Protein backbone atom coordinates (compact mmCIF):
# COMPACT_ATOMS: atom_id res chain seq x y z
CA MET A 1 67.71 -110.35 50.33
CA GLN A 2 66.73 -110.08 46.02
CA LEU A 3 65.00 -106.31 47.19
CA THR A 4 67.46 -105.11 48.64
CA LEU A 5 69.98 -105.88 45.88
CA MET A 6 68.11 -104.61 43.47
CA ILE A 7 68.21 -101.68 45.71
CA PHE A 8 71.65 -101.39 45.64
CA ARG A 9 72.00 -102.47 42.10
CA TYR A 10 69.92 -99.09 42.16
CA LEU A 11 71.78 -97.12 43.98
CA SER A 12 74.91 -97.74 43.34
CA PHE A 13 73.88 -96.94 39.24
CA LEU A 14 72.48 -93.40 40.70
CA ILE A 15 76.00 -92.97 42.35
CA ILE A 16 77.97 -93.59 39.74
CA LEU A 17 75.91 -91.25 37.26
CA ALA A 18 76.27 -88.74 39.97
CA VAL A 19 79.98 -89.27 39.73
CA SER A 20 80.56 -88.87 36.51
CA ALA A 21 79.43 -85.61 35.93
CA SER A 22 82.78 -84.49 36.48
CA HIS A 23 83.88 -86.34 33.82
CA PHE A 24 86.85 -87.59 36.43
CA CYS A 25 88.88 -84.96 34.10
CA SER A 26 91.21 -84.73 37.39
CA ALA A 27 93.65 -88.20 37.05
CA GLN A 28 95.33 -89.40 34.28
CA TYR A 29 95.19 -92.94 33.67
CA LEU A 30 97.68 -95.54 32.43
CA ASP A 31 95.39 -95.85 29.51
CA ASP A 32 97.12 -98.28 26.99
CA LYS A 33 98.90 -100.94 29.47
CA VAL A 34 97.75 -104.44 30.54
CA LEU A 35 97.70 -104.96 34.03
CA MET A 36 96.45 -108.07 33.81
CA THR A 37 94.53 -110.72 31.81
CA VAL A 38 92.06 -113.04 32.38
CA ALA A 39 90.74 -116.10 30.53
CA GLY A 40 92.96 -114.26 27.65
CA ARG A 41 90.96 -110.76 28.25
CA GLU A 42 92.54 -107.70 28.85
CA VAL A 43 92.37 -105.57 31.79
CA GLN A 44 93.87 -102.03 31.18
CA ALA A 45 95.45 -100.43 33.62
CA GLY A 46 93.18 -97.31 34.06
CA GLU A 47 90.19 -99.16 34.77
CA PHE A 48 91.82 -100.68 38.24
CA ILE A 49 93.22 -97.79 39.17
CA ARG A 50 90.17 -95.68 38.92
CA MET A 51 87.90 -98.67 40.20
CA TYR A 52 90.72 -98.64 43.05
CA LEU A 53 89.96 -94.66 43.78
CA LYS A 54 86.38 -94.90 44.18
CA SER A 55 86.69 -97.11 46.95
CA LYS A 56 89.26 -96.39 48.05
CA ASN A 57 88.93 -96.39 52.29
CA PRO A 58 90.91 -93.20 53.50
CA ASP A 59 91.35 -94.79 57.02
CA SER A 60 93.07 -97.76 55.49
CA ILE A 61 96.57 -97.68 54.53
CA ASN A 62 98.59 -100.49 52.10
CA GLU A 63 95.27 -102.12 51.25
CA LEU A 64 96.82 -102.62 47.16
CA ASP A 65 96.85 -106.01 47.67
CA SER A 66 93.61 -107.02 49.09
CA TYR A 67 91.85 -104.98 46.58
CA LEU A 68 93.63 -106.28 44.01
CA ASP A 69 92.12 -109.87 44.98
CA LEU A 70 89.00 -108.61 44.97
CA PHE A 71 89.04 -107.11 42.05
CA ILE A 72 90.90 -110.55 40.18
CA ASN A 73 87.29 -112.04 41.72
CA PHE A 74 85.11 -108.89 40.41
CA LYS A 75 87.28 -110.27 36.54
CA LEU A 76 86.57 -114.15 37.33
CA LYS A 77 82.88 -113.89 38.32
CA VAL A 78 82.27 -111.40 34.79
CA THR A 79 84.29 -113.58 32.62
CA ASP A 80 81.99 -116.49 33.99
CA ALA A 81 78.58 -114.59 32.77
CA ILE A 82 80.00 -113.83 29.65
CA GLU A 83 80.68 -117.09 28.94
CA ASN A 84 78.20 -118.42 30.30
CA GLY A 85 76.29 -115.82 27.62
CA TYR A 86 74.64 -113.68 29.91
CA ASP A 87 75.53 -110.81 28.17
CA THR A 88 73.69 -111.75 24.85
CA THR A 89 70.28 -111.57 26.18
CA LYS A 90 67.76 -108.87 25.14
CA ALA A 91 67.53 -108.30 28.86
CA PHE A 92 71.09 -107.51 29.34
CA LYS A 93 71.47 -104.94 26.35
CA ASN A 94 67.91 -103.04 27.24
CA GLU A 95 69.60 -102.64 30.44
CA LEU A 96 73.46 -101.42 29.16
CA ASN A 97 71.64 -99.29 26.48
CA GLY A 98 69.48 -97.43 29.06
CA TYR A 99 72.07 -96.93 31.20
CA ARG A 100 74.42 -95.52 28.04
CA GLU A 101 71.44 -93.45 27.34
CA GLN A 102 71.28 -91.11 30.03
CA LEU A 103 75.26 -91.25 31.32
CA ALA A 104 76.13 -90.09 27.41
CA ARG A 105 73.46 -87.05 27.30
CA ASN A 106 75.55 -85.65 30.42
CA TYR A 107 78.95 -86.10 27.94
CA ILE A 108 77.04 -84.79 24.92
CA PHE A 109 74.81 -82.40 26.34
CA ASP A 110 75.59 -79.04 29.37
CA ASP A 111 72.35 -79.09 30.17
CA LYS A 112 72.84 -78.07 33.42
CA ALA A 113 75.00 -74.48 32.21
CA MET A 114 71.73 -74.04 29.62
CA LYS A 115 69.45 -74.60 32.48
CA GLU A 116 71.05 -71.39 34.44
CA LYS A 117 71.50 -69.24 31.28
CA VAL A 118 67.76 -69.31 30.24
CA LEU A 119 66.85 -68.92 34.04
CA ARG A 120 69.45 -65.76 33.90
CA GLU A 121 68.07 -64.69 30.99
CA ALA A 122 64.54 -64.63 31.90
CA TYR A 123 65.51 -62.74 34.85
CA GLU A 124 67.03 -59.95 33.76
CA ARG A 125 64.07 -59.92 31.45
CA SER A 126 61.62 -60.14 34.65
CA LEU A 127 63.70 -56.59 35.51
CA TRP A 128 61.99 -54.94 32.55
CA GLU A 129 58.35 -54.08 31.54
CA VAL A 130 57.76 -53.27 27.88
CA ASN A 131 54.66 -52.29 26.02
CA ALA A 132 54.27 -53.40 22.69
CA TRP A 133 51.78 -52.91 19.35
CA HIS A 134 51.52 -56.45 17.22
CA ILE A 135 50.07 -56.91 13.73
CA LEU A 136 49.14 -60.39 13.00
CA VAL A 137 48.68 -63.03 9.74
CA GLU A 138 47.54 -65.90 10.34
CA CYS A 139 49.10 -69.23 9.31
CA PRO A 140 48.97 -72.28 10.95
CA ALA A 141 52.42 -74.57 11.75
CA THR A 142 50.83 -76.90 9.24
CA ALA A 143 50.56 -74.80 6.04
CA MET A 144 51.95 -75.72 3.42
CA PRO A 145 55.12 -74.02 1.69
CA LYS A 146 52.50 -71.94 -1.11
CA ASP A 147 50.22 -71.12 1.52
CA SER A 148 53.52 -69.80 4.76
CA LEU A 149 55.28 -67.91 1.29
CA ALA A 150 51.90 -66.38 0.88
CA ALA A 151 51.16 -65.72 4.21
CA TYR A 152 55.30 -63.93 4.52
CA LYS A 153 54.94 -62.06 1.94
CA LYS A 154 51.41 -60.41 2.99
CA ALA A 155 53.57 -59.90 6.33
CA ASP A 156 56.49 -58.46 4.65
CA GLU A 157 54.34 -56.05 2.65
CA ILE A 158 52.91 -54.71 5.67
CA ARG A 159 56.03 -54.42 7.91
CA ASP A 160 57.30 -52.47 4.65
CA ARG A 161 53.98 -50.00 4.46
CA LEU A 162 54.94 -49.48 8.05
CA VAL A 163 58.56 -48.47 7.69
CA ASN A 164 59.14 -47.18 4.04
CA GLY A 165 55.55 -45.13 3.99
CA ASN A 166 55.17 -44.33 7.82
CA ALA A 167 51.46 -45.30 7.59
CA ASP A 168 50.35 -45.40 11.29
CA PHE A 169 50.45 -48.55 13.15
CA ALA A 170 46.99 -48.45 14.72
CA GLU A 171 45.07 -48.18 11.91
CA THR A 172 47.34 -50.67 10.08
CA ALA A 173 46.37 -53.24 12.31
CA LYS A 174 42.79 -52.38 12.56
CA GLU A 175 42.49 -52.80 8.76
CA CYS A 176 44.51 -55.66 7.92
CA SER A 177 45.34 -57.47 11.48
CA ASP A 178 44.02 -61.13 11.49
CA ASP A 179 43.98 -60.32 15.98
CA ARG A 180 40.44 -59.50 16.00
CA SER A 181 40.96 -57.61 19.42
CA ALA A 182 43.14 -54.65 17.35
CA VAL A 183 39.87 -53.21 15.67
CA ALA A 184 39.47 -51.94 19.86
CA ASN A 185 42.82 -51.15 20.50
CA GLY A 186 44.65 -51.12 17.46
CA GLY A 187 47.28 -53.96 17.91
CA ASN A 188 48.32 -52.35 21.15
CA LEU A 189 48.94 -54.72 24.16
CA GLY A 190 49.76 -52.38 26.69
CA TYR A 191 52.65 -53.26 29.26
CA PHE A 192 54.47 -55.96 30.28
CA SER A 193 56.67 -58.41 31.05
CA VAL A 194 58.36 -62.11 30.95
CA PHE A 195 56.36 -65.61 30.61
CA ARG A 196 53.73 -63.29 29.73
CA MET A 197 53.54 -64.06 25.73
CA ILE A 198 54.41 -66.95 23.80
CA LYS A 199 58.24 -67.36 23.28
CA PRO A 200 58.89 -66.59 20.23
CA PHE A 201 56.89 -63.03 20.33
CA GLU A 202 58.71 -62.55 24.01
CA ASP A 203 62.51 -63.11 22.21
CA ALA A 204 61.76 -60.56 19.92
CA VAL A 205 60.20 -57.98 21.49
CA TYR A 206 63.46 -58.41 23.88
CA SER A 207 65.24 -57.90 20.84
CA LEU A 208 64.26 -54.49 20.05
CA MET A 209 64.86 -51.02 20.83
CA PRO A 210 62.05 -48.61 21.26
CA GLY A 211 60.35 -47.37 18.50
CA GLU A 212 62.02 -50.38 16.32
CA ILE A 213 59.63 -52.90 14.19
CA SER A 214 60.31 -56.16 13.93
CA ILE A 215 61.05 -58.14 10.88
CA PRO A 216 58.05 -60.55 10.59
CA VAL A 217 57.83 -62.88 13.71
CA ARG A 218 56.98 -66.96 12.86
CA SER A 219 54.64 -68.08 15.66
CA GLN A 220 52.26 -71.13 16.01
CA PHE A 221 49.52 -68.77 14.68
CA GLY A 222 50.99 -66.87 12.20
CA TYR A 223 53.47 -63.81 11.24
CA HIS A 224 54.16 -60.94 13.72
CA ILE A 225 54.54 -57.56 13.12
CA ILE A 226 55.76 -56.40 16.38
CA ARG A 227 56.46 -52.55 17.22
CA LEU A 228 58.25 -51.75 20.58
CA ALA A 229 56.38 -48.50 22.06
CA ASP A 230 58.66 -48.46 25.75
CA LYS A 231 61.02 -49.98 27.48
CA ARG A 232 60.56 -49.12 31.54
CA PRO A 233 61.95 -51.13 34.99
CA SER A 234 59.61 -53.38 36.20
CA ARG A 235 57.48 -51.88 38.91
CA GLY A 236 57.83 -55.36 41.27
CA LYS A 237 54.17 -56.91 42.13
CA ILE A 238 51.13 -55.10 44.02
CA LYS A 239 48.66 -55.79 46.26
CA VAL A 240 45.29 -54.49 45.75
CA ALA A 241 41.63 -54.53 47.15
CA HIS A 242 38.46 -53.47 44.52
CA ILE A 243 34.76 -53.15 44.40
CA MET A 244 33.54 -54.25 40.99
CA LEU A 245 30.52 -53.38 38.88
CA SER A 246 29.84 -55.57 36.24
CA VAL A 247 29.35 -54.05 32.71
CA SER A 248 29.79 -55.74 29.31
CA PRO A 249 31.33 -54.15 26.35
CA ASP A 250 27.61 -54.80 24.48
CA THR A 251 25.42 -53.39 27.77
CA ASP A 252 22.85 -50.77 26.63
CA SER A 253 23.31 -47.25 26.84
CA ILE A 254 20.67 -47.17 30.00
CA LYS A 255 22.38 -49.92 32.61
CA GLU A 256 25.97 -48.55 31.29
CA ALA A 257 24.74 -45.06 32.97
CA GLU A 258 23.48 -47.00 36.07
CA ALA A 259 26.27 -48.52 36.45
CA GLU A 260 28.07 -45.56 36.44
CA VAL A 261 25.18 -43.59 38.52
CA GLU A 262 26.21 -46.88 40.95
CA ILE A 263 29.89 -46.73 41.60
CA ASN A 264 30.05 -42.70 41.63
CA ARG A 265 27.71 -43.57 44.94
CA LEU A 266 30.24 -45.76 46.31
CA TYR A 267 33.15 -43.73 45.98
CA ALA A 268 31.46 -40.90 47.53
CA LEU A 269 30.64 -42.91 50.67
CA LEU A 270 34.47 -44.00 50.84
CA GLU A 271 35.28 -40.38 50.63
CA LYS A 272 32.99 -40.13 53.18
CA GLY A 273 35.39 -42.47 55.36
CA ASN A 274 32.93 -45.91 54.92
CA SER A 275 35.19 -49.39 55.12
CA PHE A 276 36.05 -50.32 51.96
CA GLY A 277 35.88 -54.16 52.34
CA GLU A 278 32.67 -53.88 53.76
CA LEU A 279 31.78 -51.63 50.70
CA ALA A 280 33.03 -54.38 48.83
CA SER A 281 31.80 -57.51 50.54
CA LYS A 282 28.12 -55.57 49.85
CA TYR A 283 28.16 -53.94 46.79
CA SER A 284 31.03 -55.90 44.27
CA ASP A 285 30.28 -58.45 42.10
CA HIS A 286 33.78 -59.72 41.68
CA ARG A 287 31.81 -62.69 44.69
CA GLU A 288 35.52 -64.06 45.10
CA SER A 289 37.05 -60.95 46.09
CA ALA A 290 33.77 -59.70 47.48
CA GLN A 291 34.27 -62.25 50.15
CA LYS A 292 37.96 -61.04 51.43
CA GLY A 293 36.95 -57.26 51.48
CA GLY A 294 37.34 -57.34 47.84
CA GLU A 295 41.26 -58.42 48.25
CA LEU A 296 42.73 -59.99 45.26
CA ASP A 297 46.31 -61.33 44.62
CA TRP A 298 49.23 -60.31 44.28
CA PHE A 299 50.13 -59.45 40.41
CA ALA A 300 52.89 -57.71 37.91
CA THR A 301 52.34 -55.52 35.13
CA GLY A 302 50.79 -57.47 32.52
CA GLU A 303 48.85 -59.90 35.05
CA MET A 304 45.39 -57.15 34.40
CA PRO A 305 43.83 -56.24 31.83
CA HIS A 306 45.93 -52.21 30.69
CA GLU A 307 43.26 -49.77 32.70
CA PHE A 308 43.24 -51.59 35.98
CA SER A 309 47.27 -52.50 36.05
CA GLU A 310 48.33 -49.21 35.36
CA THR A 311 45.56 -47.05 37.80
CA ALA A 312 46.74 -49.41 40.70
CA PHE A 313 50.02 -48.80 40.23
CA ALA A 314 49.52 -45.29 40.27
CA LEU A 315 48.51 -45.25 43.83
CA ARG A 316 51.36 -44.12 46.28
CA ASP A 317 50.15 -45.01 49.70
CA SER A 318 48.29 -48.36 51.53
CA GLY A 319 45.17 -47.47 51.76
CA ASP A 320 45.05 -45.06 48.99
CA PHE A 321 41.89 -45.52 46.50
CA SER A 322 41.25 -44.82 43.19
CA LYS A 323 38.62 -42.78 40.80
CA PRO A 324 36.30 -45.24 39.46
CA ILE A 325 38.03 -46.31 36.15
CA ARG A 326 36.09 -48.58 33.36
CA THR A 327 37.68 -52.01 31.96
CA SER A 328 36.41 -54.40 29.43
CA PHE A 329 35.01 -56.27 32.62
CA GLY A 330 33.18 -53.09 34.26
CA TYR A 331 33.69 -50.31 36.72
CA HIS A 332 36.15 -50.32 39.49
CA ILE A 333 37.43 -49.13 42.46
CA ILE A 334 40.35 -50.01 43.65
CA MET A 335 42.58 -49.80 47.01
CA LEU A 336 46.49 -50.23 47.28
CA LEU A 337 47.35 -52.86 50.17
CA GLY A 338 50.96 -52.88 49.19
CA LYS A 339 53.84 -52.62 47.26
CA LYS A 340 56.84 -54.86 46.69
CA SER A 341 59.79 -54.48 44.11
CA PRO A 342 61.10 -57.07 42.13
CA GLY A 343 63.36 -60.29 43.86
CA SER A 344 67.01 -61.04 43.41
CA PHE A 345 67.57 -64.00 41.24
CA ASP A 346 68.03 -66.62 44.25
CA ASP A 347 64.46 -64.98 45.81
CA ILE A 348 62.45 -65.77 42.21
CA ARG A 349 64.00 -68.94 41.25
CA SER A 350 62.13 -71.15 41.51
CA LEU A 351 59.44 -69.28 40.33
CA LEU A 352 61.23 -68.94 36.67
CA GLU A 353 61.93 -72.51 36.65
CA SER A 354 58.14 -73.49 37.45
CA ARG A 355 57.86 -71.44 34.09
CA ILE A 356 60.09 -72.28 32.13
CA ASN A 357 59.23 -75.41 29.48
CA PRO A 358 62.04 -78.04 30.29
CA ASN A 359 61.82 -78.53 26.14
CA TYR A 360 62.90 -75.40 25.87
CA ILE A 361 65.67 -75.80 27.84
CA THR A 362 66.15 -79.52 25.96
CA GLU A 363 66.19 -77.50 22.35
CA LYS A 364 68.65 -74.50 23.65
CA SER A 365 70.95 -77.19 24.80
CA LYS A 366 70.96 -79.39 21.98
CA LYS A 367 71.15 -76.31 19.60
CA SER A 368 74.53 -75.30 21.21
CA ALA A 369 75.95 -78.95 21.48
CA VAL A 370 74.96 -78.54 17.70
CA ASN A 371 77.37 -75.31 17.20
CA ARG A 372 80.11 -77.08 19.11
CA LEU A 373 80.24 -79.76 17.63
CA LYS A 374 80.66 -77.99 14.02
CA ALA A 375 83.16 -76.13 15.43
CA ASP A 376 85.22 -79.05 16.74
CA TYR A 377 84.72 -81.03 13.72
CA ASN A 378 85.67 -78.88 11.29
CA TYR A 379 81.87 -78.70 9.81
CA ARG A 380 81.75 -77.52 6.02
CA ILE A 381 79.01 -76.46 3.28
CA ASN A 382 79.37 -76.76 0.08
CA THR A 383 77.23 -73.50 -0.76
CA GLY A 384 77.29 -74.59 -5.01
CA TYR A 385 75.57 -77.56 -3.83
CA LEU A 386 73.45 -76.45 -1.53
CA GLU A 387 72.54 -73.26 -4.11
CA TRP A 388 71.35 -75.98 -6.21
CA PHE A 389 68.57 -77.50 -4.22
CA ARG A 390 67.40 -74.00 -3.53
CA ASN A 391 66.53 -73.70 -7.50
CA ASN A 392 65.72 -77.14 -8.06
CA THR A 393 63.18 -78.04 -4.66
CA ASP A 394 59.73 -76.78 -5.25
CA THR A 395 56.19 -76.89 -3.45
CA SER A 396 55.12 -79.90 -5.44
CA LEU A 397 58.00 -81.68 -4.46
CA LEU A 398 57.76 -81.01 -0.91
CA LYS A 399 54.37 -82.16 -1.34
CA GLY A 400 55.52 -86.10 -2.75
CA LYS A 401 53.89 -85.16 -5.90
CA VAL A 402 56.89 -85.63 -8.05
CA ARG A 403 60.25 -86.45 -7.55
CA TYR A 404 63.91 -85.35 -7.85
CA ASN A 405 66.04 -86.37 -11.45
CA TYR A 406 68.30 -87.99 -9.88
CA ASP A 407 70.33 -88.13 -13.59
CA ASN A 408 70.56 -84.49 -12.47
CA ILE A 409 71.53 -84.29 -9.13
CA PRO A 410 75.76 -83.28 -8.73
CA ARG A 411 77.82 -85.72 -7.54
CA GLY A 412 79.49 -84.91 -4.84
CA ASN A 413 79.06 -84.13 -0.60
CA LEU A 414 76.83 -81.49 0.40
CA TYR A 415 78.53 -81.42 3.76
CA THR A 416 81.53 -82.73 5.54
CA PHE A 417 83.35 -83.24 8.99
CA ALA A 418 85.82 -84.95 10.29
CA ASN A 419 85.36 -88.12 8.45
CA GLN A 420 82.05 -88.05 7.96
CA TYR A 421 80.44 -86.75 4.51
CA CYS A 422 76.57 -86.14 2.99
CA THR A 423 75.95 -86.66 -0.75
CA ASN A 424 73.87 -84.88 -2.25
CA GLU A 425 71.41 -88.13 -2.90
CA ASP A 426 71.54 -88.64 0.81
CA PHE A 427 69.84 -85.65 1.25
CA ALA A 428 66.93 -85.00 -1.51
CA THR A 429 65.83 -88.44 -0.12
CA TYR A 430 65.97 -87.28 3.04
CA VAL A 431 64.23 -83.70 1.38
CA GLU A 432 61.33 -86.17 -0.38
CA LYS A 433 60.50 -88.57 2.51
CA THR A 434 60.67 -86.05 5.75
CA TYR A 435 59.21 -82.79 4.53
CA SER A 436 56.15 -82.17 7.02
CA GLY A 437 54.40 -78.62 7.88
CA SER A 438 56.68 -75.65 7.17
CA TYR A 439 60.48 -75.24 8.04
CA GLY A 440 60.66 -71.49 7.33
CA GLU A 441 59.34 -68.18 5.09
CA THR A 442 60.37 -69.13 1.40
CA LEU A 443 61.44 -72.66 -0.27
CA ALA A 444 65.43 -71.23 0.03
CA GLN A 445 64.60 -71.04 4.31
CA MET A 446 63.41 -74.58 4.39
CA ILE A 447 65.82 -75.97 2.27
CA ASN A 448 68.38 -74.32 4.90
CA ASN A 449 66.43 -75.34 7.89
CA MET A 450 65.72 -79.13 6.07
CA LEU A 451 69.62 -79.05 6.22
CA ASP A 452 69.89 -77.56 9.11
CA HIS A 453 67.48 -80.68 11.27
CA TYR A 454 69.69 -83.29 8.66
CA SER A 455 73.07 -82.07 9.50
CA ALA A 456 72.42 -82.11 13.56
CA ASN A 457 71.29 -85.60 13.67
CA HIS A 458 74.18 -86.74 11.60
CA ILE A 459 76.57 -85.00 14.08
CA LEU A 460 74.83 -85.78 17.07
CA GLN A 461 74.90 -89.85 16.12
CA TYR A 462 78.30 -89.07 15.40
CA GLU A 463 79.09 -88.06 18.63
CA ASN A 464 77.45 -90.42 20.33
CA SER A 465 78.94 -93.38 18.73
CA ASN A 466 82.50 -91.78 19.58
CA LEU A 467 82.27 -91.22 23.70
CA GLU A 468 84.17 -94.46 24.51
CA GLU A 469 86.96 -93.31 22.32
CA LYS A 470 86.51 -89.50 22.52
CA TYR A 471 85.98 -89.91 26.84
CA PRO A 472 88.05 -92.70 28.42
CA ASP A 473 86.33 -92.48 31.60
CA PHE A 474 83.34 -92.22 29.65
CA ARG A 475 84.46 -96.07 28.26
CA TYR A 476 85.14 -97.34 31.86
CA LEU A 477 82.14 -96.23 33.56
CA ILE A 478 79.86 -98.32 30.66
CA ASN A 479 81.86 -100.96 31.30
CA GLU A 480 81.54 -100.80 34.78
CA PHE A 481 77.63 -100.89 33.92
CA HIS A 482 78.25 -103.87 31.28
CA ASP A 483 80.05 -105.63 34.19
CA GLY A 484 78.05 -104.78 37.17
CA ILE A 485 74.49 -106.04 35.63
CA LEU A 486 76.32 -109.44 34.58
CA LEU A 487 77.94 -109.47 38.02
CA PHE A 488 74.35 -109.62 39.59
CA ASP A 489 72.72 -111.51 37.04
CA ILE A 490 75.22 -114.45 37.79
CA SER A 491 75.45 -113.93 41.29
CA SER A 492 71.96 -114.15 41.91
CA GLU A 493 71.63 -116.91 39.77
CA LYS A 494 75.33 -118.92 41.26
CA VAL A 495 74.68 -117.67 44.81
CA TRP A 496 71.52 -115.87 46.18
CA ASN A 497 68.77 -117.35 43.88
CA ARG A 498 70.42 -120.63 44.32
CA SER A 499 70.19 -120.46 48.57
CA GLN A 500 66.52 -119.65 48.46
CA GLU A 501 65.43 -122.13 46.07
CA ASP A 502 68.15 -125.26 47.51
CA THR A 503 67.08 -126.30 50.44
CA THR A 504 68.29 -129.74 50.01
CA GLY A 505 71.75 -128.61 49.61
CA LEU A 506 71.00 -125.78 52.32
CA LYS A 507 69.89 -128.73 54.99
CA ASN A 508 72.71 -130.57 54.31
CA PHE A 509 74.87 -127.42 55.09
CA TYR A 510 72.85 -127.13 58.24
CA ASN A 511 73.90 -130.73 59.55
CA LYS A 512 77.07 -130.22 58.43
CA HIS A 513 77.49 -127.02 60.49
CA LYS A 514 74.61 -127.30 62.44
CA LYS A 515 76.77 -126.90 66.24
CA GLU A 516 77.53 -123.46 64.76
CA PHE A 517 74.27 -122.27 64.91
CA GLY A 518 72.48 -124.09 67.71
CA THR A 519 69.47 -126.45 68.21
CA GLU A 520 66.26 -123.73 67.18
CA PHE A 521 66.63 -124.12 62.74
CA ALA A 522 63.50 -121.80 62.22
CA ALA A 523 65.56 -119.16 64.46
CA ILE A 524 68.29 -118.87 63.01
CA ARG A 525 67.29 -119.88 59.32
CA GLY A 526 69.00 -116.03 58.62
CA ASP A 527 72.64 -116.49 59.21
CA VAL A 528 72.44 -120.25 58.22
CA ILE A 529 71.47 -118.87 54.81
CA SER A 530 74.01 -116.44 55.07
CA ALA A 531 76.70 -118.76 55.83
CA TYR A 532 75.59 -121.00 52.66
CA GLN A 533 75.75 -118.22 50.27
CA ASP A 534 79.15 -117.34 51.49
CA TRP A 535 80.40 -121.08 51.46
CA LEU A 536 78.66 -121.19 47.78
CA MET A 537 80.65 -118.08 47.07
CA GLU A 538 83.83 -119.64 48.39
CA GLU A 539 82.85 -122.96 46.16
CA TRP A 540 82.22 -120.44 42.72
CA LEU A 541 85.15 -118.64 43.47
CA ARG A 542 87.29 -121.80 43.97
CA LYS A 543 86.42 -123.16 40.09
CA LEU A 544 86.50 -120.15 38.57
CA LYS A 545 90.31 -119.97 39.80
CA LYS A 546 91.05 -123.40 38.38
CA LYS A 547 89.20 -122.78 34.95
CA TYR A 548 89.93 -118.53 34.20
CA ALA A 549 94.33 -118.01 34.27
CA VAL A 550 94.75 -114.97 35.87
CA LYS A 551 98.30 -113.07 34.65
CA VAL A 552 99.22 -109.59 36.65
CA ASP A 553 101.89 -108.03 34.72
CA ALA A 554 104.25 -107.17 38.15
CA THR A 555 105.63 -104.52 36.57
CA ILE A 556 102.53 -102.72 35.38
CA LEU A 557 101.11 -103.14 39.05
CA ASN A 558 104.52 -101.76 40.58
CA GLU A 559 103.56 -98.71 38.16
CA VAL A 560 100.27 -98.83 39.28
CA SER A 561 100.87 -98.56 43.21
CA LYS A 562 102.82 -95.68 42.71
CA LYS A 563 100.77 -94.14 41.12
CA ILE A 564 98.27 -94.98 43.67
CA ALA A 565 100.33 -93.18 46.55
CA TYR A 566 100.39 -89.59 44.36
CA GLU A 567 96.70 -89.82 44.36
C-alpha cells in the first residue's frame, strides 16, 4: 500500500510538471477573489477553478457541487497538517524546494527552444566543409592575467603581421605556432565539418568568409589565429576498403623504398583483376580492416587523414580503386564501396543530439534568458563607474595581494534594473573575492566579463524570487505541491500507516463488521484494511469539520460556476 502511494505521488508530480510547461496561458482566473476560508485561511477562486478543470471528467455533468465537497475535504486535511507543524519539518522543506527548483527552470529558461536552435545550427554547419589554417599561442585556461595578456598580445602581433604585413601564413605558422604539427603542415588543418574542432574554434571558423583571418580566438589551449581558406558543400559520407602498408614518418629510406615497391606490385595485381578483398586480407598491415577484406566504416571529410579522405572522395564509381598514396601512416590503395549524401535534419537529428554537449545548451539558454530579462527589466550600467574599475584594477589586486582603497571608490550604483541595484562597493568586494583564472585578454575585458557574470546571477536570482508574483500559474502549481506533500504526509500518519499498525483497532473493527466480510479473516484481510481506512478517513473528516470552520462565498461560487460553464 505504501509503495503504491509513493508511486502515485511521484507520477502525479511528473504529470503536473509536464502540464506546467504550457503555463496554462489560455485560462484567465479570478485570482483576487476569495472563494472560501478554512480556519481563517483564504482560498482564491482561481485556485479552485484551476484544480477543477484539471480533474474535470468530460463525461460528467453538473459535478461542481460534488467537487466542491472534495475540495473542502482536501483543504481541511491540509489545514490540519499545517496546524500540526508538518510544513515546518526539514524533509518537507527539502522536498518542496526540490519541486520548485525543477519547475522554476521551465519558467526562467527555454531549454527546449535553445536545444532546437543549437541542433539546427549544427545541421546547417554539417552541410558545409571548411578548409582552415591556424596558428596557436599556448595559454592555459588557468593563466594569471599578466600571462594571458602577454599571450594575447603575442597572438595579436602575429595577426597584424599577417593582415598588414602580408606575411605568408604557412611560414609564419612554422615560425610562431605552438602547435607542433605546424612544422610539417604550416598550420593547415585540411577540410573538416561540424564537431571536428573544439567549440570556440568551430564557431570562429564558421563565422569567417574565405580568405578572412580571425582576431585571436580563446580556447582552453590558448589563442588561435584562424584563416579560412575555402568553404564547399558537404560531400556526405563514404565507405571504402583499403590496403595499407605501414610506414612511419621516420622510417629509413631503404624500408621506405621497399614499401613503395611492394604497394606498386599490389596495385599491378589489382589492375590485372585480382580480388581487392583477398589482397587486403593477405597483405594489409591494418589488421582490423584486413579481416573484412580491407573494409572501413563510413566516414566524412575530416575524419580521416587529409590525403586519404581527398583520394577516397575523388573516386567516382563503386569498385574504382586509387593509385597508391602516401599518408603519415604509410602507403594505401583505396577502393570505393559506396557514397551517401548528407541526410535531412530529421535523418541525422539523433546523431546531432548525441554530439552536442548538454552543458553548452544550458549555458546558451542561460545567456539568452539573461539578455531577455535585462531588456524586460531595463538593465542599465553606469559607464563612468565601470570605467573607474577598468582604470583602478590591476593584476596584484586580482591575485589577492592588495585590495581596493574603499575610500576612493565612488559612491553610487554600478548598475540598476527593476527595483534592484549593485553598489560599487559590492562589486569591488566581488572582484576581490571571486577572481580565478582568466576572464579575458585585457584587464578591461576581465572587468567587463566579471560584471556580466555578477549581474547575470543577480538578475536570475531576482527573477526566481518573483515567479509566484509574476506568474499566477506558477504560484498555483507550487501551492499544489505544497498541499499535496502535506496531504500525503498527514494521510499516511492518520489513515494509511495507522491501519497497518493499529492491530487492536483493526480487530475491533472486524469484530463489529465481520458479517460483512465472511468467516476467514486471513482471506479477507485486504478488504478489512481498506474498509478500516475508509472508516478512519470518515472519522478524521468528521472531526476536522467540527474543528475548522469553512465559509464559502455563495456570490463568488456563482461567478465560478459561470466561468466553468464556458471552459
